[in-house]
Amino acid sequence: MRISPQLRRWLTGAASDPSVRWRYWTEVEGRGPRDPRVRTARRAIGRTGWAALLLEHQFPDGHWVTLPARGANLYRPKYIATNWRMIVLSDLGMTRADPRVRRAAETVLRQWGRPKWDLSGTAGEICVTGNAVRYLVRFGYLDHPFVQRSIAWIVRTQKADGGWHCFPSRTGTLDGWEGLAALAEIPEASRDAAIRRSIEQGAEFFLERRLMNEGADRYPPWFRIHYPNHYYYDLLVGLRILTRLGYGSDRRLGPALRWLRDKRRTDGTWSLDADHPDLDTRFEPYSSSQLFLPLRIEPPGEPSRLATVEALAVLAHAGNA
């Protein structure tokens, strides 16, 4: 995979975000945590750039903006409330070493771990529970009882075909990706037999469908690149999960990898195609009439550092496999 000096500078220079620099050094070039460039970029995350901007307006108890008269609602309004910012902050490389992240994570654990709201029980939903587990594990809370209960719930609610679904169903769906993404964050040494089996079955579910084949018609938003993804699926989401789980050499990823290469611009970058919610009303099983406030990090239609480092990381993992 050829990366021009100009593209490398665009991703790692002073004008780039420290999270992009950190991800490029570690995920594309494979540098270790002791590398000076990796350490410098990691230290800057949350002090400058996108993560710092997201943290600016946090309330003292750890939550962010909420709807009037709802208190510290973690989920609404979409997509600027606490839950959504936590997803992005974990993508950008934040951990609980930062006290602001620690306050936010403890707010989530306290509010969503209560009996009535426990996401590892009847209140669980794969998009919410899966996203919460993913960012809490990244933040450093793998051993917390709530996270452990939620992991067990994800394994327990996996469908017989290996997938997951946000709605009552006997079968999974490709856009129920959050369960596999959450399990993929668990370090190999911390996966028991049930988790490993669930990962294998979940990966097979996506591979069997080539990350894209579900139903008689293709769902157009799956073939557009987005960020943040929130709880929406597209092919780059699927490629990230599968390649990081070590399936980059599986031939069934070929069509999706060709799609990704075809999306590359002539200057070597990738762009975002749309903000979420990006819905096709011919297929949607629910209404989008509720309040949505997009959490935009980069504008669609222009070269995107986030999309580019993600795509290069996928291709690097696939190449290494």
C-alpha atoms as a PDB file:
ATOM      1  CA  MET A   1       0.000   0.000   0.000  1.00  0.00           C
ATOM      2  CA  ARG A   2       1.645   3.198  -1.180  1.00  0.00           C
ATOM      3  CA  ILE A   3       1.334   6.313   0.975  1.00  0.00           C
ATOM      4  CA  SER A   4       2.831   9.425  -0.567  1.00  0.00           C
ATOM      5  CA  PRO A   5       4.968  11.789   1.524  1.00  0.00           C
ATOM      6  CA  GLN A   6       2.335  14.493   1.013  1.00  0.00           C
ATOM      7  CA  LEU A   7      -0.445  12.267   2.363  1.00  0.00           C
ATOM      8  CA  ARG A   8       1.694  11.215   5.319  1.00  0.00           C
ATOM      9  CA  ARG A   9       2.379  14.858   6.192  1.00  0.00           C
ATOM     10  CA  TRP A  10      -1.326  15.705   5.847  1.00  0.00           C
ATOM     11  CA  LEU A  11      -2.181  13.001   8.368  1.00  0.00           C
ATOM     12  CA  THR A  12       0.681  13.512  10.815  1.00  0.00           C
ATOM     13  CA  GLY A  13       1.637  17.184  10.521  1.00  0.00           C
ATOM     14  CA  ALA A  14       0.841  19.978  12.946  1.00  0.00           C
ATOM     15  CA  ALA A  15      -2.409  20.852  11.134  1.00  0.00           C
ATOM     16  CA  SER A  16      -3.800  17.366  11.753  1.00  0.00           C
ATOM     17  CA  ASP A  17      -5.602  16.242  14.904  1.00  0.00           C
ATOM     18  CA  PRO A  18      -3.527  14.402  17.540  1.00  0.00           C
ATOM     19  CA  SER A  19      -5.966  11.489  17.468  1.00  0.00           C
ATOM     20  CA  VAL A  20      -5.359  11.073  13.730  1.00  0.00           C
ATOM     21  CA  ARG A  21      -1.619  11.257  14.264  1.00  0.00           C
ATOM     22  CA  TRP A  22      -1.833   8.638  17.029  1.00  0.00           C
ATOM     23  CA  ARG A  23      -3.982   6.316  14.932  1.00  0.00           C
ATOM     24  CA  TYR A  24      -1.746   6.712  11.890  1.00  0.00           C
ATOM     25  CA  TRP A  25       1.428   5.861  13.799  1.00  0.00           C
ATOM     26  CA  THR A  26      -0.127   2.887  15.602  1.00  0.00           C
ATOM     27  CA  GLU A  27      -2.704   1.453  13.192  1.00  0.00           C
ATOM     28  CA  VAL A  28      -1.195   2.237   9.794  1.00  0.00           C
ATOM     29  CA  GLU A  29       2.546   2.104  10.471  1.00  0.00           C
ATOM     30  CA  GLY A  30       2.261  -0.270  13.429  1.00  0.00           C
ATOM     31  CA  ARG A  31       4.475   1.684  15.831  1.00  0.00           C
ATOM     32  CA  GLY A  32       4.433   0.654  19.486  1.00  0.00           C
ATOM     33  CA  PRO A  33       3.342   2.713  22.508  1.00  0.00           C
ATOM     34  CA  ARG A  34       6.943   3.627  23.407  1.00  0.00           C
ATOM     35  CA  ASP A  35       7.623   5.250  20.048  1.00  0.00           C
ATOM     36  CA  PRO A  36       8.249   8.988  20.648  1.00  0.00           C
ATOM     37  CA  ARG A  37       5.777  10.021  17.937  1.00  0.00           C
ATOM     38  CA  VAL A  38       3.079   7.793  19.400  1.00  0.00           C
ATOM     39  CA  ARG A  39       3.657   9.117  22.916  1.00  0.00           C
ATOM     40  CA  THR A  40       3.636  12.745  21.788  1.00  0.00           C
ATOM     41  CA  ALA A  41       0.395  12.338  19.857  1.00  0.00           C
ATOM     42  CA  ARG A  42      -1.266  10.410  22.692  1.00  0.00           C
ATOM     43  CA  ARG A  43      -0.405  13.065  25.271  1.00  0.00           C
ATOM     44  CA  ALA A  44      -1.957  15.778  23.093  1.00  0.00           C
ATOM     45  CA  ILE A  45      -5.355  14.033  22.760  1.00  0.00           C
ATOM     46  CA  GLY A  46      -7.848  15.911  24.915  1.00  0.00           C
ATOM     47  CA  ARG A  47      -5.540  18.892  25.311  1.00  0.00           C
ATOM     48  CA  THR A  48      -5.960  20.146  21.756  1.00  0.00           C
ATOM     49  CA  GLY A  49      -8.073  19.210  18.753  1.00  0.00           C
ATOM     50  CA  TRP A  50     -11.423  17.484  18.421  1.00  0.00           C
ATOM     51  CA  ALA A  51     -11.450  15.702  21.774  1.00  0.00           C
ATOM     52  CA  ALA A  52     -10.662  18.931  23.613  1.00  0.00           C
ATOM     53  CA  LEU A  53     -13.530  20.690  21.825  1.00  0.00           C
ATOM     54  CA  LEU A  54     -15.962  17.896  22.746  1.00  0.00           C
ATOM     55  CA  LEU A  55     -14.944  18.154  26.394  1.00  0.00           C
ATOM     56  CA  GLU A  56     -15.267  21.946  26.640  1.00  0.00           C
ATOM     57  CA  HIS A  57     -18.908  22.134  27.722  1.00  0.00           C
ATOM     58  CA  GLN A  58     -19.081  19.175  30.086  1.00  0.00           C
ATOM     59  CA  PHE A  59     -21.064  19.730  33.288  1.00  0.00           C
ATOM     60  CA  PRO A  60     -19.275  19.216  36.629  1.00  0.00           C
ATOM     61  CA  ASP A  61     -20.996  15.858  37.272  1.00  0.00           C
ATOM     62  CA  GLY A  62     -19.694  14.466  33.956  1.00  0.00           C
ATOM     63  CA  HIS A  63     -22.663  14.762  31.597  1.00  0.00           C
ATOM     64  CA  TRP A  64     -23.240  17.023  28.592  1.00  0.00           C
ATOM     65  CA  VAL A  65     -26.230  18.808  27.048  1.00  0.00           C
ATOM     66  CA  THR A  66     -29.645  17.307  27.718  1.00  0.00           C
ATOM     67  CA  LEU A  67     -33.270  18.037  26.913  1.00  0.00           C
ATOM     68  CA  PRO A  68     -35.054  20.526  29.228  1.00  0.00           C
ATOM     69  CA  ALA A  69     -36.668  19.058  32.339  1.00  0.00           C
ATOM     70  CA  ARG A  70     -35.037  15.647  31.850  1.00  0.00           C
ATOM     71  CA  GLY A  71     -32.071  16.033  34.165  1.00  0.00           C
ATOM     72  CA  ALA A  72     -28.819  14.368  33.198  1.00  0.00           C
ATOM     73  CA  ASN A  73     -30.255  12.375  30.290  1.00  0.00           C
ATOM     74  CA  LEU A  74     -27.408  10.446  28.737  1.00  0.00           C
ATOM     75  CA  TYR A  75     -29.101   9.545  25.461  1.00  0.00           C
ATOM     76  CA  ARG A  76     -31.106  12.546  24.257  1.00  0.00           C
ATOM     77  CA  PRO A  77     -30.942  14.750  22.346  1.00  0.00           C
ATOM     78  CA  LYS A  78     -29.402  12.696  19.598  1.00  0.00           C
ATOM     79  CA  TYR A  79     -26.517  13.063  18.779  1.00  0.00           C
ATOM     80  CA  ILE A  80     -24.990  15.540  21.185  1.00  0.00           C
ATOM     81  CA  ALA A  81     -25.869  14.080  24.596  1.00  0.00           C
ATOM     82  CA  THR A  82     -23.392  12.212  26.792  1.00  0.00           C
ATOM     83  CA  ASN A  83     -23.681   8.752  25.208  1.00  0.00           C
ATOM     84  CA  TRP A  84     -22.814   9.998  21.736  1.00  0.00           C
ATOM     85  CA  ARG A  85     -19.869  12.105  22.870  1.00  0.00           C
ATOM     86  CA  MET A  86     -18.496   9.159  24.806  1.00  0.00           C
ATOM     87  CA  ILE A  87     -18.519   7.025  21.655  1.00  0.00           C
ATOM     88  CA  VAL A  88     -16.544   9.665  19.775  1.00  0.00           C
ATOM     89  CA  LEU A  89     -14.119  10.341  22.633  1.00  0.00           C
ATOM     90  CA  SER A  90     -13.289   6.636  22.788  1.00  0.00           C
ATOM     91  CA  ASP A  91     -12.723   6.593  19.019  1.00  0.00           C
ATOM     92  CA  LEU A  92     -10.366   9.540  19.419  1.00  0.00           C
ATOM     93  CA  GLY A  93      -8.249   7.688  21.975  1.00  0.00           C
ATOM     94  CA  MET A  94      -9.365   9.094  25.333  1.00  0.00           C
ATOM     95  CA  THR A  95      -9.185   6.958  28.498  1.00  0.00           C
ATOM     96  CA  ARG A  96     -10.153   7.304  32.140  1.00  0.00           C
ATOM     97  CA  ALA A  97      -6.672   8.625  32.839  1.00  0.00           C
ATOM     98  CA  ASP A  98      -8.265  11.974  31.980  1.00  0.00           C
ATOM     99  CA  PRO A  99     -10.471  13.054  34.939  1.00  0.00           C
ATOM    100  CA  ARG A 100     -13.110  14.477  32.596  1.00  0.00           C
ATOM    101  CA  VAL A 101     -13.571  11.108  30.927  1.00  0.00           C
ATOM    102  CA  ARG A 102     -13.529   9.396  34.308  1.00  0.00           C
ATOM    103  CA  ARG A 103     -16.355  11.640  35.564  1.00  0.00           C
ATOM    104  CA  ALA A 104     -18.409  10.947  32.441  1.00  0.00           C
ATOM    105  CA  ALA A 105     -17.812   7.191  32.581  1.00  0.00           C
ATOM    106  CA  GLU A 106     -18.773   7.041  36.242  1.00  0.00           C
ATOM    107  CA  THR A 107     -21.969   8.941  35.421  1.00  0.00           C
ATOM    108  CA  VAL A 108     -22.830   6.312  32.804  1.00  0.00           C
ATOM    109  CA  LEU A 109     -21.997   3.446  35.166  1.00  0.00           C
ATOM    110  CA  ARG A 110     -24.041   4.986  37.964  1.00  0.00           C
ATOM    111  CA  GLN A 111     -27.104   5.826  35.862  1.00  0.00           C
ATOM    112  CA  TRP A 112     -27.226   2.878  33.458  1.00  0.00           C
ATOM    113  CA  GLY A 113     -26.193   0.327  36.072  1.00  0.00           C
ATOM    114  CA  ARG A 114     -29.257   0.927  38.266  1.00  0.00           C
ATOM    115  CA  PRO A 115     -31.804  -1.921  38.438  1.00  0.00           C
ATOM    116  CA  LYS A 116     -34.495  -0.091  36.433  1.00  0.00           C
ATOM    117  CA  TRP A 117     -32.087   1.075  33.729  1.00  0.00           C
ATOM    118  CA  ASP A 118     -29.530  -1.731  33.781  1.00  0.00           C
ATOM    119  CA  LEU A 119     -28.400  -2.247  30.188  1.00  0.00           C
ATOM    120  CA  SER A 120     -27.441  -5.822  31.017  1.00  0.00           C
ATOM    121  CA  GLY A 121     -31.074  -6.742  31.717  1.00  0.00           C
ATOM    122  CA  THR A 122     -34.517  -6.008  30.352  1.00  0.00           C
ATOM    123  CA  ALA A 123     -33.510  -2.420  29.528  1.00  0.00           C
ATOM    124  CA  GLY A 124     -30.731  -3.664  27.280  1.00  0.00           C
ATOM    125  CA  GLU A 125     -30.736  -2.951  23.556  1.00  0.00           C
ATOM    126  CA  ILE A 126     -27.860  -4.043  21.366  1.00  0.00           C
ATOM    127  CA  CYS A 127     -27.134  -0.602  19.923  1.00  0.00           C
ATOM    128  CA  VAL A 128     -27.052   1.080  23.345  1.00  0.00           C
ATOM    129  CA  THR A 129     -25.483  -1.725  25.375  1.00  0.00           C
ATOM    130  CA  GLY A 130     -22.959  -2.568  22.666  1.00  0.00           C
ATOM    131  CA  ASN A 131     -21.835   1.026  22.240  1.00  0.00           C
ATOM    132  CA  ALA A 132     -21.577   1.527  26.005  1.00  0.00           C
ATOM    133  CA  VAL A 133     -19.492  -1.616  26.461  1.00  0.00           C
ATOM    134  CA  ARG A 134     -17.241  -0.624  23.573  1.00  0.00           C
ATOM    135  CA  TYR A 135     -16.380   2.792  24.936  1.00  0.00           C
ATOM    136  CA  LEU A 136     -16.191   1.691  28.578  1.00  0.00           C
ATOM    137  CA  VAL A 137     -13.730  -1.075  27.710  1.00  0.00           C
ATOM    138  CA  ARG A 138     -11.655   1.412  25.720  1.00  0.00           C
ATOM    139  CA  PHE A 139     -11.735   3.828  28.653  1.00  0.00           C
ATOM    140  CA  GLY A 140     -10.384   1.111  30.966  1.00  0.00           C
ATOM    141  CA  TYR A 141     -13.472  -0.316  32.705  1.00  0.00           C
ATOM    142  CA  LEU A 142     -13.368  -3.916  31.436  1.00  0.00           C
ATOM    143  CA  ASP A 143     -13.396  -5.356  34.962  1.00  0.00           C
ATOM    144  CA  HIS A 144     -16.274  -3.223  36.244  1.00  0.00           C
ATOM    145  CA  PRO A 145     -19.274  -5.419  37.273  1.00  0.00           C
ATOM    146  CA  PHE A 146     -21.654  -3.481  35.027  1.00  0.00           C
ATOM    147  CA  VAL A 147     -19.404  -4.006  32.002  1.00  0.00           C
ATOM    148  CA  GLN A 148     -18.993  -7.692  32.798  1.00  0.00           C
ATOM    149  CA  ARG A 149     -22.771  -8.146  33.153  1.00  0.00           C
ATOM    150  CA  SER A 150     -23.309  -6.297  29.882  1.00  0.00           C
ATOM    151  CA  ILE A 151     -20.767  -8.468  28.049  1.00  0.00           C
ATOM    152  CA  ALA A 152     -22.586 -11.565  29.293  1.00  0.00           C
ATOM    153  CA  TRP A 153     -25.875 -10.021  28.079  1.00  0.00           C
ATOM    154  CA  ILE A 154     -24.406  -9.414  24.609  1.00  0.00           C
ATOM    155  CA  VAL A 155     -23.274 -13.042  24.385  1.00  0.00           C
ATOM    156  CA  ARG A 156     -26.600 -14.291  25.730  1.00  0.00           C
ATOM    157  CA  THR A 157     -28.731 -12.272  23.285  1.00  0.00           C
ATOM    158  CA  GLN A 158     -26.816 -13.301  20.150  1.00  0.00           C
ATOM    159  CA  LYS A 159     -29.150 -14.888  17.595  1.00  0.00           C
ATOM    160  CA  ALA A 160     -28.807 -18.489  16.470  1.00  0.00           C
ATOM    161  CA  ASP A 161     -27.457 -17.292  13.095  1.00  0.00           C
ATOM    162  CA  GLY A 162     -24.606 -15.392  14.797  1.00  0.00           C
ATOM    163  CA  GLY A 163     -25.993 -11.877  14.415  1.00  0.00           C
ATOM    164  CA  TRP A 164     -27.773  -9.412  16.664  1.00  0.00           C
ATOM    165  CA  HIS A 165     -30.852  -7.254  16.149  1.00  0.00           C
ATOM    166  CA  CYS A 166     -32.136  -4.081  17.821  1.00  0.00           C
ATOM    167  CA  PHE A 167     -35.735  -5.195  17.263  1.00  0.00           C
ATOM    168  CA  PRO A 168     -37.484  -8.446  18.298  1.00  0.00           C
ATOM    169  CA  SER A 169     -36.421 -11.051  15.760  1.00  0.00           C
ATOM    170  CA  ARG A 170     -35.221 -14.627  15.452  1.00  0.00           C
ATOM    171  CA  THR A 171     -32.423 -13.557  13.141  1.00  0.00           C
ATOM    172  CA  GLY A 172     -29.640 -10.988  13.154  1.00  0.00           C
ATOM    173  CA  THR A 173     -29.027  -8.125  10.786  1.00  0.00           C
ATOM    174  CA  LEU A 174     -25.869  -6.470   9.493  1.00  0.00           C
ATOM    175  CA  ASP A 175     -26.759  -3.183  11.119  1.00  0.00           C
ATOM    176  CA  GLY A 176     -26.813  -4.911  14.508  1.00  0.00           C
ATOM    177  CA  TRP A 177     -23.017  -4.577  14.539  1.00  0.00           C
ATOM    178  CA  GLU A 178     -22.511  -3.172  18.032  1.00  0.00           C
ATOM    179  CA  GLY A 179     -22.406  -6.548  19.765  1.00  0.00           C
ATOM    180  CA  LEU A 180     -19.458  -7.823  17.733  1.00  0.00           C
ATOM    181  CA  ALA A 181     -17.735  -4.424  17.927  1.00  0.00           C
ATOM    182  CA  ALA A 182     -17.988  -4.474  21.717  1.00  0.00           C
ATOM    183  CA  LEU A 183     -16.601  -8.002  22.032  1.00  0.00           C
ATOM    184  CA  ALA A 184     -13.766  -7.102  19.653  1.00  0.00           C
ATOM    185  CA  GLU A 185     -12.482  -4.541  22.188  1.00  0.00           C
ATOM    186  CA  ILE A 186     -11.885  -7.215  24.828  1.00  0.00           C
ATOM    187  CA  PRO A 187      -8.180  -8.150  24.848  1.00  0.00           C
ATOM    188  CA  GLU A 188      -7.512 -11.684  23.650  1.00  0.00           C
ATOM    189  CA  ALA A 189      -6.183 -12.735  27.049  1.00  0.00           C
ATOM    190  CA  SER A 190      -9.447 -11.644  28.713  1.00  0.00           C
ATOM    191  CA  ARG A 191     -11.793 -13.572  26.393  1.00  0.00           C
ATOM    192  CA  ASP A 192     -13.267 -16.715  27.847  1.00  0.00           C
ATOM    193  CA  ALA A 193     -14.564 -19.599  25.741  1.00  0.00           C
ATOM    194  CA  ALA A 194     -18.079 -18.124  25.481  1.00  0.00           C
ATOM    195  CA  ILE A 195     -16.771 -14.771  24.245  1.00  0.00           C
ATOM    196  CA  ARG A 196     -14.430 -16.379  21.723  1.00  0.00           C
ATOM    197  CA  ARG A 197     -17.248 -18.555  20.404  1.00  0.00           C
ATOM    198  CA  SER A 198     -19.564 -15.532  20.151  1.00  0.00           C
ATOM    199  CA  ILE A 199     -16.897 -13.575  18.220  1.00  0.00           C
ATOM    200  CA  GLU A 200     -16.348 -16.477  15.815  1.00  0.00           C
ATOM    201  CA  GLN A 201     -20.078 -16.858  15.166  1.00  0.00           C
ATOM    202  CA  GLY A 202     -20.554 -13.103  14.799  1.00  0.00           C
ATOM    203  CA  ALA A 203     -17.658 -12.795  12.364  1.00  0.00           C
ATOM    204  CA  GLU A 204     -19.027 -15.669  10.305  1.00  0.00           C
ATOM    205  CA  PHE A 205     -22.417 -13.917  10.179  1.00  0.00           C
ATOM    206  CA  PHE A 206     -20.820 -10.854   8.551  1.00  0.00           C
ATOM    207  CA  LEU A 207     -18.425 -12.797   6.331  1.00  0.00           C
ATOM    208  CA  GLU A 208     -21.148 -15.039   4.991  1.00  0.00           C
ATOM    209  CA  ARG A 209     -22.979 -11.917   3.826  1.00  0.00           C
ATOM    210  CA  ARG A 210     -19.818 -10.239   2.459  1.00  0.00           C
ATOM    211  CA  LEU A 211     -20.629  -7.325   4.817  1.00  0.00           C
ATOM    212  CA  MET A 212     -23.295  -6.117   2.387  1.00  0.00           C
ATOM    213  CA  ASN A 213     -25.728  -8.821   1.219  1.00  0.00           C
ATOM    214  CA  GLU A 214     -29.013  -8.698   3.076  1.00  0.00           C
ATOM    215  CA  GLY A 215     -32.371  -8.802   1.382  1.00  0.00           C
ATOM    216  CA  ALA A 216     -33.221  -8.482  -2.278  1.00  0.00           C
ATOM    217  CA  ASP A 217     -31.996  -4.883  -2.630  1.00  0.00           C
ATOM    218  CA  ARG A 218     -28.846  -3.194  -1.459  1.00  0.00           C
ATOM    219  CA  TYR A 219     -29.345  -0.560   1.208  1.00  0.00           C
ATOM    220  CA  PRO A 220     -27.731   2.631  -0.208  1.00  0.00           C
ATOM    221  CA  PRO A 221     -26.536   4.217   3.085  1.00  0.00           C
ATOM    222  CA  TRP A 222     -24.380   1.147   3.759  1.00  0.00           C
ATOM    223  CA  PHE A 223     -22.310   2.135   0.722  1.00  0.00           C
ATOM    224  CA  ARG A 224     -21.619   5.664   1.972  1.00  0.00           C
ATOM    225  CA  ILE A 225     -18.879   6.580   4.471  1.00  0.00           C
ATOM    226  CA  HIS A 226     -19.904   8.439   7.634  1.00  0.00           C
ATOM    227  CA  TYR A 227     -18.470   9.686  10.889  1.00  0.00           C
ATOM    228  CA  PRO A 228     -19.627   9.641  13.627  1.00  0.00           C
ATOM    229  CA  ASN A 229     -21.442   6.355  13.003  1.00  0.00           C
ATOM    230  CA  HIS A 230     -23.391   6.410  16.306  1.00  0.00           C
ATOM    231  CA  TYR A 231     -25.454   3.212  15.883  1.00  0.00           C
ATOM    232  CA  TYR A 232     -25.524   3.184  12.073  1.00  0.00           C
ATOM    233  CA  TYR A 233     -23.720   0.677   9.917  1.00  0.00           C
ATOM    234  CA  ASP A 234     -21.743   1.057   6.705  1.00  0.00           C
ATOM    235  CA  LEU A 235     -19.156  -1.125   4.975  1.00  0.00           C
ATOM    236  CA  LEU A 236     -16.230   0.707   6.542  1.00  0.00           C
ATOM    237  CA  VAL A 237     -17.662  -0.121   9.986  1.00  0.00           C
ATOM    238  CA  GLY A 238     -17.807  -3.796   9.042  1.00  0.00           C
ATOM    239  CA  LEU A 239     -14.303  -3.757   7.588  1.00  0.00           C
ATOM    240  CA  ARG A 240     -12.871  -2.140  10.712  1.00  0.00           C
ATOM    241  CA  ILE A 241     -14.344  -4.801  12.992  1.00  0.00           C
ATOM    242  CA  LEU A 242     -13.433  -7.810  10.853  1.00  0.00           C
ATOM    243  CA  THR A 243      -9.889  -6.760   9.964  1.00  0.00           C
ATOM    244  CA  ARG A 244      -9.044  -5.947  13.575  1.00  0.00           C
ATOM    245  CA  LEU A 245     -10.340  -9.344  14.618  1.00  0.00           C
ATOM    246  CA  GLY A 246      -7.840 -10.921  12.236  1.00  0.00           C
ATOM    247  CA  TYR A 247     -10.091 -11.784   9.287  1.00  0.00           C
ATOM    248  CA  GLY A 248      -8.337  -9.534   6.794  1.00  0.00           C
ATOM    249  CA  SER A 249      -7.190 -12.476   4.658  1.00  0.00           C
ATOM    250  CA  ASP A 250     -10.667 -14.004   4.350  1.00  0.00           C
ATOM    251  CA  ARG A 251     -11.561 -13.947   0.665  1.00  0.00           C
ATOM    252  CA  ARG A 252     -15.143 -13.033   1.471  1.00  0.00           C
ATOM    253  CA  LEU A 253     -13.945  -9.540   2.401  1.00  0.00           C
ATOM    254  CA  GLY A 254     -12.790  -9.036  -1.190  1.00  0.00           C
ATOM    255  CA  PRO A 255     -15.875  -7.193  -2.501  1.00  0.00           C
ATOM    256  CA  ALA A 256     -15.931  -4.800   0.466  1.00  0.00           C
ATOM    257  CA  LEU A 257     -12.199  -4.130   0.175  1.00  0.00           C
ATOM    258  CA  ARG A 258     -12.607  -3.378  -3.538  1.00  0.00           C
ATOM    259  CA  TRP A 259     -15.440  -1.007  -2.677  1.00  0.00           C
ATOM    260  CA  LEU A 260     -13.130   0.754  -0.207  1.00  0.00           C
ATOM    261  CA  ARG A 261     -10.298   1.093  -2.722  1.00  0.00           C
ATOM    262  CA  ASP A 262     -12.727   2.415  -5.329  1.00  0.00           C
ATOM    263  CA  LYS A 263     -13.811   5.127  -2.863  1.00  0.00           C
ATOM    264  CA  ARG A 264     -10.277   6.514  -2.707  1.00  0.00           C
ATOM    265  CA  ARG A 265      -9.855   9.937  -4.256  1.00  0.00           C
ATOM    266  CA  THR A 266      -7.159  10.744  -6.809  1.00  0.00           C
ATOM    267  CA  ASP A 267      -5.119  12.537  -4.122  1.00  0.00           C
ATOM    268  CA  GLY A 268      -5.012   9.358  -2.027  1.00  0.00           C
ATOM    269  CA  THR A 269      -7.587  10.465   0.546  1.00  0.00           C
ATOM    270  CA  TRP A 270     -11.120   9.384   1.360  1.00  0.00           C
ATOM    271  CA  SER A 271     -14.042  11.699   2.085  1.00  0.00           C
ATOM    272  CA  LEU A 272     -17.150  11.392   4.204  1.00  0.00           C
ATOM    273  CA  ASP A 273     -20.291  10.993   2.127  1.00  0.00           C
ATOM    274  CA  ALA A 274     -22.945  12.171   4.589  1.00  0.00           C
ATOM    275  CA  ASP A 275     -23.847  13.017   8.178  1.00  0.00           C
ATOM    276  CA  HIS A 276     -26.112  10.774  10.191  1.00  0.00           C
ATOM    277  CA  PRO A 277     -28.993  10.238  10.229  1.00  0.00           C
ATOM    278  CA  ASP A 278     -28.535   9.123   6.623  1.00  0.00           C
ATOM    279  CA  LEU A 279     -31.718   7.151   5.997  1.00  0.00           C
ATOM    280  CA  ASP A 280     -33.414   5.635   2.984  1.00  0.00           C
ATOM    281  CA  THR A 281     -37.124   5.901   3.729  1.00  0.00           C
ATOM    282  CA  ARG A 282     -37.928   3.043   1.359  1.00  0.00           C
ATOM    283  CA  PHE A 283     -36.309   0.634   3.792  1.00  0.00           C
ATOM    284  CA  GLU A 284     -36.497   2.213   7.250  1.00  0.00           C
ATOM    285  CA  PRO A 285     -38.627   0.351   9.830  1.00  0.00           C
ATOM    286  CA  TYR A 286     -38.941   3.421  12.070  1.00  0.00           C
ATOM    287  CA  SER A 287     -39.650   7.147  11.807  1.00  0.00           C
ATOM    288  CA  SER A 288     -36.943   9.805  11.809  1.00  0.00           C
ATOM    289  CA  SER A 289     -39.317  12.573  12.881  1.00  0.00           C
ATOM    290  CA  GLN A 290     -37.726  12.983  16.331  1.00  0.00           C
ATOM    291  CA  LEU A 291     -35.116  15.629  17.111  1.00  0.00           C
ATOM    292  CA  PHE A 292     -31.662  14.958  15.662  1.00  0.00           C
ATOM    293  CA  LEU A 293     -28.658  17.248  16.058  1.00  0.00           C
ATOM    294  CA  PRO A 294     -25.720  15.927  14.022  1.00  0.00           C
ATOM    295  CA  LEU A 295     -22.384  15.827  15.828  1.00  0.00           C
ATOM    296  CA  ARG A 296     -20.166  16.861  12.935  1.00  0.00           C
ATOM    297  CA  ILE A 297     -16.397  16.438  13.259  1.00  0.00           C
ATOM    298  CA  GLU A 298     -15.508  16.987   9.578  1.00  0.00           C
ATOM    299  CA  PRO A 299     -17.717  18.152   6.685  1.00  0.00           C
ATOM    300  CA  PRO A 300     -18.906  15.634   4.079  1.00  0.00           C
ATOM    301  CA  GLY A 301     -17.661  15.897   0.527  1.00  0.00           C
ATOM    302  CA  GLU A 302     -14.126  17.018   1.361  1.00  0.00           C
ATOM    303  CA  PRO A 303     -10.941  15.062   2.110  1.00  0.00           C
ATOM    304  CA  SER A 304     -11.410  13.610   5.597  1.00  0.00           C
ATOM    305  CA  ARG A 305      -8.529  12.764   7.896  1.00  0.00           C
ATOM    306  CA  LEU A 306     -10.797  10.506   9.951  1.00  0.00           C
ATOM    307  CA  ALA A 307     -12.051   8.542   6.951  1.00  0.00           C
ATOM    308  CA  THR A 308      -8.557   8.378   5.449  1.00  0.00           C
ATOM    309  CA  VAL A 309      -6.774   7.059   8.539  1.00  0.00           C
ATOM    310  CA  GLU A 310      -9.609   4.559   9.068  1.00  0.00           C
ATOM    311  CA  ALA A 311      -9.417   3.308   5.481  1.00  0.00           C
ATOM    312  CA  LEU A 312      -5.620   3.082   5.541  1.00  0.00           C
ATOM    313  CA  ALA A 313      -5.754   1.177   8.824  1.00  0.00           C
ATOM    314  CA  VAL A 314      -8.233  -1.310   7.343  1.00  0.00           C
ATOM    315  CA  LEU A 315      -6.025  -1.847   4.298  1.00  0.00           C
ATOM    316  CA  ALA A 316      -2.940  -2.186   6.504  1.00  0.00           C
ATOM    317  CA  HIS A 317      -4.635  -4.841   8.644  1.00  0.00           C
ATOM    318  CA  ALA A 318      -5.877  -6.663   5.545  1.00  0.00           C
ATOM    319  CA  GLY A 319      -2.425  -6.517   3.995  1.00  0.00           C
ATOM    320  CA  ASN A 320      -0.751  -7.811   7.135  1.00  0.00           C
ATOM    321  CA  ALA A 321      -3.212 -10.666   7.290  1.00  0.00           C
END
